[in-house]
Amino acid sequence: MEEHGRRRDLRRKRRLLGRRLLGSRRAAAGRPLGSGHAGPGTRIPALIVSPYAKKGFVDHTQYDTTSILRFITKCFNLPSLPGITARAAALVANGAQKMGDLTNALDFSQ
């Protein structure tokens, strides 16, 4: 079963992925692999537990599993990782917003 509750033929999926890696129109067009039409996956709510979390605040910014890396990169003024930069560019190129870096949900002035 997939994360969406559907059954899929994983062998077929692997064959298609193999074709894509060998050279597909998407790769030839310069788009990063994995930037499919579906965009980011399932939306899962997050609970931020921190003394710096804004109290009583509901943040509607979209985050993903690399948001913590974006946060560390921003806080410590580090160079951005190439994969994260490429993903952000792909999202913007397809009309979506970049993923957040958690700073909208935190308040460091406390």
N, C-alpha and C. Protein backbone atom coordinates (compact mmCIF):
# COMPACT_ATOMS: atom_id res chain seq x y z
N MET A 1 0.85 -1.18 0.00
CA MET A 1 0.00 0.00 0.00
C MET A 1 0.89 1.24 0.00
N GLU A 2 0.40 2.28 -0.65
CA GLU A 2 1.10 3.55 -0.65
C GLU A 2 0.66 4.39 0.52
N GLU A 3 1.31 5.51 0.70
CA GLU A 3 0.95 6.40 1.79
C GLU A 3 -0.45 6.97 1.63
N HIS A 4 -0.98 6.99 0.40
CA HIS A 4 -2.32 7.52 0.16
C HIS A 4 -3.40 6.45 0.32
N GLY A 5 -3.00 5.21 0.68
CA GLY A 5 -3.95 4.13 0.88
C GLY A 5 -4.28 3.35 -0.37
N ARG A 6 -3.59 3.64 -1.49
CA ARG A 6 -3.86 2.92 -2.72
C ARG A 6 -2.85 1.80 -2.91
N ARG A 7 -3.28 0.76 -3.59
CA ARG A 7 -2.35 -0.32 -3.93
C ARG A 7 -1.72 0.00 -5.28
N ARG A 8 -0.45 -0.25 -5.39
CA ARG A 8 0.25 0.02 -6.64
C ARG A 8 1.14 -1.16 -6.99
N ASP A 9 1.40 -1.29 -8.26
CA ASP A 9 2.33 -2.29 -8.73
C ASP A 9 3.72 -1.67 -8.68
N LEU A 10 4.50 -2.04 -7.66
CA LEU A 10 5.81 -1.43 -7.47
C LEU A 10 6.78 -1.80 -8.59
N ARG A 11 6.61 -2.99 -9.18
CA ARG A 11 7.49 -3.36 -10.29
C ARG A 11 7.28 -2.41 -11.46
N ARG A 12 6.03 -2.08 -11.76
CA ARG A 12 5.74 -1.15 -12.85
C ARG A 12 6.34 0.22 -12.53
N LYS A 13 6.22 0.64 -11.29
CA LYS A 13 6.74 1.93 -10.88
C LYS A 13 8.27 1.97 -11.04
N ARG A 14 8.94 0.88 -10.68
CA ARG A 14 10.39 0.82 -10.83
C ARG A 14 10.80 0.85 -12.30
N ARG A 15 10.03 0.17 -13.16
CA ARG A 15 10.33 0.20 -14.59
C ARG A 15 10.21 1.62 -15.13
N LEU A 16 9.15 2.32 -14.74
CA LEU A 16 8.95 3.68 -15.20
C LEU A 16 10.05 4.60 -14.69
N LEU A 17 10.43 4.42 -13.43
CA LEU A 17 11.50 5.22 -12.87
C LEU A 17 12.80 4.95 -13.60
N GLY A 18 13.06 3.69 -13.93
CA GLY A 18 14.27 3.35 -14.68
C GLY A 18 14.31 4.04 -16.03
N ARG A 19 13.18 4.09 -16.71
CA ARG A 19 13.11 4.78 -18.00
C ARG A 19 13.37 6.28 -17.81
N ARG A 20 12.82 6.82 -16.76
CA ARG A 20 13.00 8.24 -16.51
C ARG A 20 14.47 8.55 -16.25
N LEU A 21 15.14 7.68 -15.49
CA LEU A 21 16.55 7.91 -15.20
C LEU A 21 17.42 7.76 -16.44
N LEU A 22 17.01 6.90 -17.38
CA LEU A 22 17.80 6.69 -18.59
C LEU A 22 17.65 7.84 -19.58
N GLY A 23 16.70 8.68 -19.39
CA GLY A 23 16.56 9.83 -20.28
C GLY A 23 15.13 10.02 -20.72
N SER A 24 14.45 10.87 -20.05
CA SER A 24 13.06 11.14 -20.40
C SER A 24 12.92 12.57 -20.87
N ARG A 25 11.75 12.90 -21.31
CA ARG A 25 11.50 14.29 -21.71
C ARG A 25 11.68 15.24 -20.54
N ARG A 26 11.28 14.79 -19.35
CA ARG A 26 11.38 15.67 -18.18
C ARG A 26 12.85 15.95 -17.88
N ALA A 27 13.69 14.91 -17.87
CA ALA A 27 15.11 15.13 -17.61
C ALA A 27 15.74 15.95 -18.72
N ALA A 28 15.31 15.71 -19.96
CA ALA A 28 15.87 16.46 -21.09
C ALA A 28 15.46 17.93 -21.03
N ALA A 29 14.32 18.21 -20.43
CA ALA A 29 13.85 19.59 -20.34
C ALA A 29 14.56 20.36 -19.23
N GLY A 30 15.45 19.69 -18.50
CA GLY A 30 16.20 20.36 -17.45
C GLY A 30 15.51 20.40 -16.11
N ARG A 31 14.39 19.71 -15.98
CA ARG A 31 13.71 19.68 -14.69
C ARG A 31 14.34 18.62 -13.82
N PRO A 32 14.45 18.87 -12.52
CA PRO A 32 15.02 17.85 -11.64
C PRO A 32 14.13 16.61 -11.59
N LEU A 33 14.73 15.45 -11.47
CA LEU A 33 13.95 14.23 -11.34
C LEU A 33 13.16 14.28 -10.04
N GLY A 34 11.98 13.76 -10.05
CA GLY A 34 11.14 13.76 -8.87
C GLY A 34 10.26 14.99 -8.77
N SER A 35 10.35 15.91 -9.72
CA SER A 35 9.49 17.10 -9.67
C SER A 35 8.27 16.85 -10.54
N GLY A 36 7.49 15.85 -10.17
CA GLY A 36 6.35 15.44 -10.96
C GLY A 36 5.20 16.42 -10.88
N HIS A 37 4.14 16.10 -11.61
CA HIS A 37 2.98 16.98 -11.67
C HIS A 37 2.23 17.03 -10.35
N ALA A 38 2.41 16.04 -9.50
CA ALA A 38 1.65 15.98 -8.26
C ALA A 38 2.18 16.94 -7.21
N GLY A 39 3.41 17.41 -7.35
CA GLY A 39 3.99 18.33 -6.37
C GLY A 39 4.33 17.60 -5.09
N PRO A 40 4.40 18.33 -3.99
CA PRO A 40 4.72 17.70 -2.71
C PRO A 40 3.66 16.66 -2.34
N GLY A 41 4.02 15.74 -1.51
CA GLY A 41 3.13 14.64 -1.14
C GLY A 41 2.01 15.04 -0.19
N THR A 42 1.59 14.10 0.59
CA THR A 42 0.49 14.27 1.52
C THR A 42 0.79 15.35 2.55
N ARG A 43 -0.20 16.14 2.89
CA ARG A 43 -0.02 17.19 3.90
C ARG A 43 -0.21 16.58 5.28
N ILE A 44 0.76 16.83 6.15
CA ILE A 44 0.71 16.30 7.50
C ILE A 44 0.91 17.47 8.46
N PRO A 45 0.03 17.65 9.42
CA PRO A 45 0.20 18.75 10.36
C PRO A 45 1.44 18.54 11.23
N ALA A 46 2.05 19.63 11.64
CA ALA A 46 3.23 19.57 12.49
C ALA A 46 2.96 20.34 13.78
N LEU A 47 3.55 19.87 14.83
CA LEU A 47 3.46 20.53 16.12
C LEU A 47 4.87 20.93 16.52
N ILE A 48 5.10 22.22 16.66
CA ILE A 48 6.44 22.70 17.03
C ILE A 48 6.45 22.96 18.53
N VAL A 49 7.31 22.23 19.22
CA VAL A 49 7.43 22.37 20.67
C VAL A 49 8.78 23.02 20.94
N SER A 50 8.74 24.26 21.39
CA SER A 50 9.95 25.02 21.63
C SER A 50 9.63 26.19 22.53
N PRO A 51 10.59 26.62 23.35
CA PRO A 51 10.34 27.85 24.12
C PRO A 51 10.21 29.07 23.22
N TYR A 52 10.64 28.96 21.97
CA TYR A 52 10.57 30.07 21.02
C TYR A 52 9.35 29.98 20.10
N ALA A 53 8.55 28.94 20.23
CA ALA A 53 7.35 28.82 19.39
C ALA A 53 6.36 29.92 19.75
N LYS A 54 5.74 30.50 18.73
CA LYS A 54 4.73 31.53 18.97
C LYS A 54 3.53 30.90 19.64
N LYS A 55 3.12 31.47 20.75
CA LYS A 55 2.02 30.91 21.53
C LYS A 55 0.68 31.20 20.85
N GLY A 56 -0.16 30.17 20.73
CA GLY A 56 -1.48 30.32 20.15
C GLY A 56 -1.46 30.68 18.68
N PHE A 57 -0.41 30.33 17.97
CA PHE A 57 -0.23 30.71 16.57
C PHE A 57 -0.40 29.50 15.66
N VAL A 58 -1.23 29.64 14.65
CA VAL A 58 -1.39 28.58 13.65
C VAL A 58 -0.70 29.07 12.39
N ASP A 59 0.34 28.35 12.00
CA ASP A 59 1.14 28.74 10.83
C ASP A 59 0.66 27.96 9.62
N HIS A 60 0.33 28.65 8.56
CA HIS A 60 -0.15 28.00 7.35
C HIS A 60 0.94 27.87 6.28
N THR A 61 2.17 28.14 6.68
CA THR A 61 3.30 27.97 5.76
C THR A 61 3.48 26.48 5.49
N GLN A 62 3.78 26.15 4.25
CA GLN A 62 4.00 24.75 3.90
C GLN A 62 5.45 24.38 4.19
N TYR A 63 5.63 23.30 4.94
CA TYR A 63 6.96 22.80 5.29
C TYR A 63 7.13 21.40 4.73
N ASP A 64 8.37 20.95 4.69
CA ASP A 64 8.65 19.56 4.32
C ASP A 64 9.78 19.06 5.22
N THR A 65 10.26 17.87 4.94
CA THR A 65 11.27 17.27 5.81
C THR A 65 12.61 18.01 5.76
N THR A 66 12.84 18.82 4.75
CA THR A 66 14.09 19.57 4.69
C THR A 66 13.97 20.97 5.30
N SER A 67 12.82 21.30 5.86
CA SER A 67 12.65 22.63 6.46
C SER A 67 13.61 22.86 7.61
N ILE A 68 13.92 21.82 8.37
CA ILE A 68 14.87 21.98 9.47
C ILE A 68 16.26 22.31 8.93
N LEU A 69 16.61 21.73 7.77
CA LEU A 69 17.90 22.07 7.15
C LEU A 69 17.91 23.52 6.69
N ARG A 70 16.80 23.98 6.13
CA ARG A 70 16.71 25.39 5.73
C ARG A 70 16.85 26.31 6.94
N PHE A 71 16.22 25.90 8.05
CA PHE A 71 16.29 26.69 9.28
C PHE A 71 17.72 26.79 9.79
N ILE A 72 18.43 25.67 9.85
CA ILE A 72 19.83 25.67 10.32
C ILE A 72 20.69 26.51 9.38
N THR A 73 20.47 26.34 8.08
CA THR A 73 21.23 27.11 7.09
C THR A 73 21.04 28.60 7.30
N LYS A 74 19.80 29.01 7.53
CA LYS A 74 19.50 30.45 7.70
C LYS A 74 20.04 30.98 9.03
N CYS A 75 19.85 30.23 10.11
CA CYS A 75 20.28 30.70 11.43
C CYS A 75 21.79 30.85 11.54
N PHE A 76 22.53 29.94 10.93
CA PHE A 76 23.98 29.97 11.05
C PHE A 76 24.67 30.53 9.80
N ASN A 77 23.87 31.15 8.92
CA ASN A 77 24.40 31.80 7.73
C ASN A 77 25.31 30.87 6.92
N LEU A 78 24.83 29.65 6.67
CA LEU A 78 25.58 28.66 5.91
C LEU A 78 25.15 28.70 4.45
N PRO A 79 26.00 28.21 3.55
CA PRO A 79 25.57 28.15 2.14
C PRO A 79 24.45 27.12 1.97
N SER A 80 23.53 27.44 1.10
CA SER A 80 22.39 26.56 0.87
C SER A 80 22.84 25.28 0.16
N LEU A 81 22.22 24.17 0.52
CA LEU A 81 22.53 22.89 -0.11
C LEU A 81 21.98 22.88 -1.54
N PRO A 82 22.73 22.36 -2.51
CA PRO A 82 22.29 22.41 -3.91
C PRO A 82 20.95 21.72 -4.16
N GLY A 83 20.69 20.60 -3.51
CA GLY A 83 19.43 19.89 -3.72
C GLY A 83 18.23 20.70 -3.24
N ILE A 84 18.40 21.39 -2.13
CA ILE A 84 17.31 22.21 -1.60
C ILE A 84 17.06 23.41 -2.52
N THR A 85 18.14 24.01 -3.02
CA THR A 85 18.00 25.13 -3.94
C THR A 85 17.31 24.69 -5.24
N ALA A 86 17.70 23.52 -5.75
CA ALA A 86 17.10 23.00 -6.99
C ALA A 86 15.61 22.70 -6.78
N ARG A 87 15.26 22.14 -5.63
CA ARG A 87 13.85 21.81 -5.35
C ARG A 87 13.02 23.08 -5.25
N ALA A 88 13.56 24.10 -4.59
CA ALA A 88 12.84 25.36 -4.46
C ALA A 88 12.63 26.00 -5.84
N ALA A 89 13.65 25.94 -6.68
CA ALA A 89 13.53 26.50 -8.03
C ALA A 89 12.49 25.74 -8.85
N ALA A 90 12.45 24.41 -8.69
CA ALA A 90 11.47 23.60 -9.42
C ALA A 90 10.05 23.91 -8.96
N LEU A 91 9.85 24.10 -7.66
CA LEU A 91 8.52 24.43 -7.15
C LEU A 91 8.06 25.78 -7.70
N VAL A 92 8.94 26.77 -7.67
CA VAL A 92 8.59 28.10 -8.16
C VAL A 92 8.32 28.06 -9.67
N ALA A 93 9.13 27.30 -10.41
CA ALA A 93 8.94 27.19 -11.86
C ALA A 93 7.61 26.55 -12.22
N ASN A 94 7.08 25.71 -11.33
CA ASN A 94 5.80 25.05 -11.57
C ASN A 94 4.63 25.78 -10.91
N GLY A 95 4.87 27.01 -10.46
CA GLY A 95 3.78 27.83 -9.92
C GLY A 95 3.48 27.63 -8.45
N ALA A 96 4.30 26.87 -7.74
CA ALA A 96 4.08 26.66 -6.31
C ALA A 96 5.00 27.57 -5.49
N GLN A 97 4.76 27.62 -4.21
CA GLN A 97 5.63 28.39 -3.33
C GLN A 97 6.76 27.52 -2.80
N LYS A 98 7.88 28.16 -2.45
CA LYS A 98 8.98 27.43 -1.83
C LYS A 98 8.54 26.95 -0.45
N MET A 99 9.14 25.87 0.01
CA MET A 99 8.85 25.38 1.35
C MET A 99 9.44 26.33 2.39
N GLY A 100 8.83 26.38 3.56
CA GLY A 100 9.27 27.28 4.61
C GLY A 100 10.49 26.78 5.36
N ASP A 101 11.05 27.67 6.17
CA ASP A 101 12.25 27.32 6.94
C ASP A 101 12.02 27.39 8.45
N LEU A 102 10.77 27.37 8.88
CA LEU A 102 10.34 27.36 10.29
C LEU A 102 10.46 28.71 10.99
N THR A 103 11.08 29.72 10.38
CA THR A 103 11.24 31.00 11.07
C THR A 103 9.91 31.72 11.26
N ASN A 104 8.92 31.44 10.44
CA ASN A 104 7.62 32.07 10.59
C ASN A 104 6.89 31.58 11.85
N ALA A 105 7.22 30.39 12.30
CA ALA A 105 6.54 29.82 13.47
C ALA A 105 7.27 30.08 14.78
N LEU A 106 8.45 30.67 14.69
CA LEU A 106 9.26 30.90 15.89
C LEU A 106 9.46 32.40 16.14
N ASP A 107 9.62 32.75 17.42
CA ASP A 107 9.84 34.14 17.80
C ASP A 107 11.05 34.18 18.72
N PHE A 108 12.16 34.69 18.20
CA PHE A 108 13.41 34.72 18.97
C PHE A 108 13.57 35.99 19.78
N SER A 109 12.58 36.88 19.76
CA SER A 109 12.67 38.13 20.53
C SER A 109 12.27 37.93 21.98
N GLN A 110 11.83 36.75 22.34
CA GLN A 110 11.38 36.48 23.72
C GLN A 110 12.57 36.38 24.66
